C-alpha atoms as a PDB file:
ATOM      1  CA  MET A   1      -0.007   0.016   0.126  1.00  0.00           C
ATOM      2  CA  ILE A   2       1.388   3.444  -0.698  1.00  0.00           C
ATOM      3  CA  ILE A   3       1.303   5.694   2.360  1.00  0.00           C
ATOM      4  CA  THR A   4       1.927   9.386   2.594  1.00  0.00           C
ATOM      5  CA  ARG A   5       2.994  11.019   6.134  1.00  0.00           C
ATOM      6  CA  GLU A   6       3.851  14.676   6.945  1.00  0.00           C
ATOM      7  CA  HIS A   7       7.285  15.068   8.597  1.00  0.00           C
ATOM      8  CA  PHE A   8       6.749  15.907  12.122  1.00  0.00           C
ATOM      9  CA  LEU A   9       9.035  19.136  12.087  1.00  0.00           C
ATOM     10  CA  THR A  10       9.047  20.183   8.331  1.00  0.00           C
ATOM     11  CA  GLY A  11       5.696  19.415   7.191  1.00  0.00           C
ATOM     12  CA  GLU A  12       7.254  17.788   4.305  1.00  0.00           C
ATOM     13  CA  LEU A  13       5.253  15.164   2.610  1.00  0.00           C
ATOM     14  CA  ASN A  14       7.092  11.735   2.520  1.00  0.00           C
ATOM     15  CA  THR A  15       5.439   8.811   0.468  1.00  0.00           C
ATOM     16  CA  ARG A  16       6.509   5.000   0.457  1.00  0.00           C
ATOM     17  CA  SER A  17       5.191   1.642  -0.462  1.00  0.00           C
ATOM     18  CA  MET A  18       4.820  -0.155   2.454  1.00  0.00           C
ATOM     19  CA  ASP A  19       3.702  -3.769   3.576  1.00  0.00           C
ATOM     20  CA  VAL A  20       0.135  -3.129   5.557  1.00  0.00           C
ATOM     21  CA  THR A  21      -3.434  -3.807   5.020  1.00  0.00           C
ATOM     22  CA  GLN A  22      -6.122  -1.417   5.295  1.00  0.00           C
ATOM     23  CA  GLU A  23      -7.540  -3.113   8.512  1.00  0.00           C
ATOM     24  CA  GLN A  24      -4.161  -2.526  10.134  1.00  0.00           C
ATOM     25  CA  LEU A  25      -4.001   1.128   9.147  1.00  0.00           C
ATOM     26  CA  ASP A  26      -7.786   1.675  10.273  1.00  0.00           C
ATOM     27  CA  ARG A  27      -6.731   0.295  13.605  1.00  0.00           C
ATOM     28  CA  TRP A  28      -3.842   2.370  13.825  1.00  0.00           C
ATOM     29  CA  ARG A  29      -5.808   5.333  13.087  1.00  0.00           C
ATOM     30  CA  ASN A  30      -8.447   4.366  15.503  1.00  0.00           C
ATOM     31  CA  GLY A  31      -6.174   4.570  18.355  1.00  0.00           C
ATOM     32  CA  GLU A  32      -3.997   1.318  18.486  1.00  0.00           C
ATOM     33  CA  LEU A  33      -0.613   1.355  19.166  1.00  0.00           C
ATOM     34  CA  VAL A  34       1.581   1.500  16.138  1.00  0.00           C
ATOM     35  CA  GLN A  35       3.593  -1.580  17.395  1.00  0.00           C
ATOM     36  CA  ASN A  36       0.710  -3.498  17.929  1.00  0.00           C
ATOM     37  CA  ALA A  37      -1.179  -2.448  14.534  1.00  0.00           C
ATOM     38  CA  PHE A  38       1.897  -3.283  12.364  1.00  0.00           C
ATOM     39  CA  PRO A  39       3.938  -5.648  14.449  1.00  0.00           C
ATOM     40  CA  HIS A  40       5.857  -7.111  11.352  1.00  0.00           C
ATOM     41  CA  LEU A  41       7.311  -3.495  10.388  1.00  0.00           C
ATOM     42  CA  THR A  42      10.636  -2.459  11.393  1.00  0.00           C
ATOM     43  CA  ASP A  43      11.270   0.442  13.983  1.00  0.00           C
ATOM     44  CA  GLU A  44      12.050   2.775  11.338  1.00  0.00           C
ATOM     45  CA  GLU A  45       9.095   1.775   9.508  1.00  0.00           C
ATOM     46  CA  ARG A  46       6.889   2.531  12.567  1.00  0.00           C
ATOM     47  CA  ASP A  47       8.535   5.956  12.770  1.00  0.00           C
ATOM     48  CA  PHE A  48       7.456   6.600   9.383  1.00  0.00           C
ATOM     49  CA  PHE A  49       4.128   6.178  10.529  1.00  0.00           C
ATOM     50  CA  VAL A  50       4.229   7.874  13.621  1.00  0.00           C
ATOM     51  CA  LEU A  51       6.594  10.856  12.704  1.00  0.00           C
ATOM     52  CA  GLY A  52       6.410  10.880   9.018  1.00  0.00           C
ATOM     53  CA  THR A  53      10.323  10.680   8.824  1.00  0.00           C
ATOM     54  CA  THR A  54      12.624   8.701   6.498  1.00  0.00           C
ATOM     55  CA  LYS A  55      15.680   6.943   7.319  1.00  0.00           C
ATOM     56  CA  GLU A  56      17.581   9.722   5.609  1.00  0.00           C
ATOM     57  CA  GLN A  57      15.942  12.534   7.348  1.00  0.00           C
ATOM     58  CA  TRP A  58      16.969  11.070  10.667  1.00  0.00           C
ATOM     59  CA  GLU A  59      20.382  10.618   9.757  1.00  0.00           C
ATOM     60  CA  LYS A  60      20.321  14.048   8.545  1.00  0.00           C
ATOM     61  CA  LEU A  61      18.805  15.526  11.678  1.00  0.00           C
ATOM     62  CA  TYR A  62      21.276  13.699  13.956  1.00  0.00           C
ATOM     63  CA  SER A  63      24.099  14.728  12.109  1.00  0.00           C
ATOM     64  CA  ASP A  64      23.155  18.407  12.227  1.00  0.00           C
ATOM     65  CA  ILE A  65      22.646  17.799  16.174  1.00  0.00           C
ATOM     66  CA  ARG A  66      26.350  16.094  16.395  1.00  0.00           C
ATOM     67  CA  GLU A  67      27.687  19.199  14.593  1.00  0.00           C
ATOM     68  CA  GLU A  68      26.062  21.668  17.080  1.00  0.00           C
ATOM     69  CA  GLU A  69      27.902  19.948  19.937  1.00  0.00           C
END
């Protein structure tokens, strides 16, 4: 299924294909914890649902933080 989420900091829309069903998506949207609705997804994939971030965006964010230290 193609999923689009908004990045929690930038508002940028990110889209990716994910191995989820409509039923799982509905359960998550109705308040089920992401780890329970999508137990087969990786932490990175779950972050995408919750925060709208990609792996590349996380890496850039952390590298920016490290540079400030």
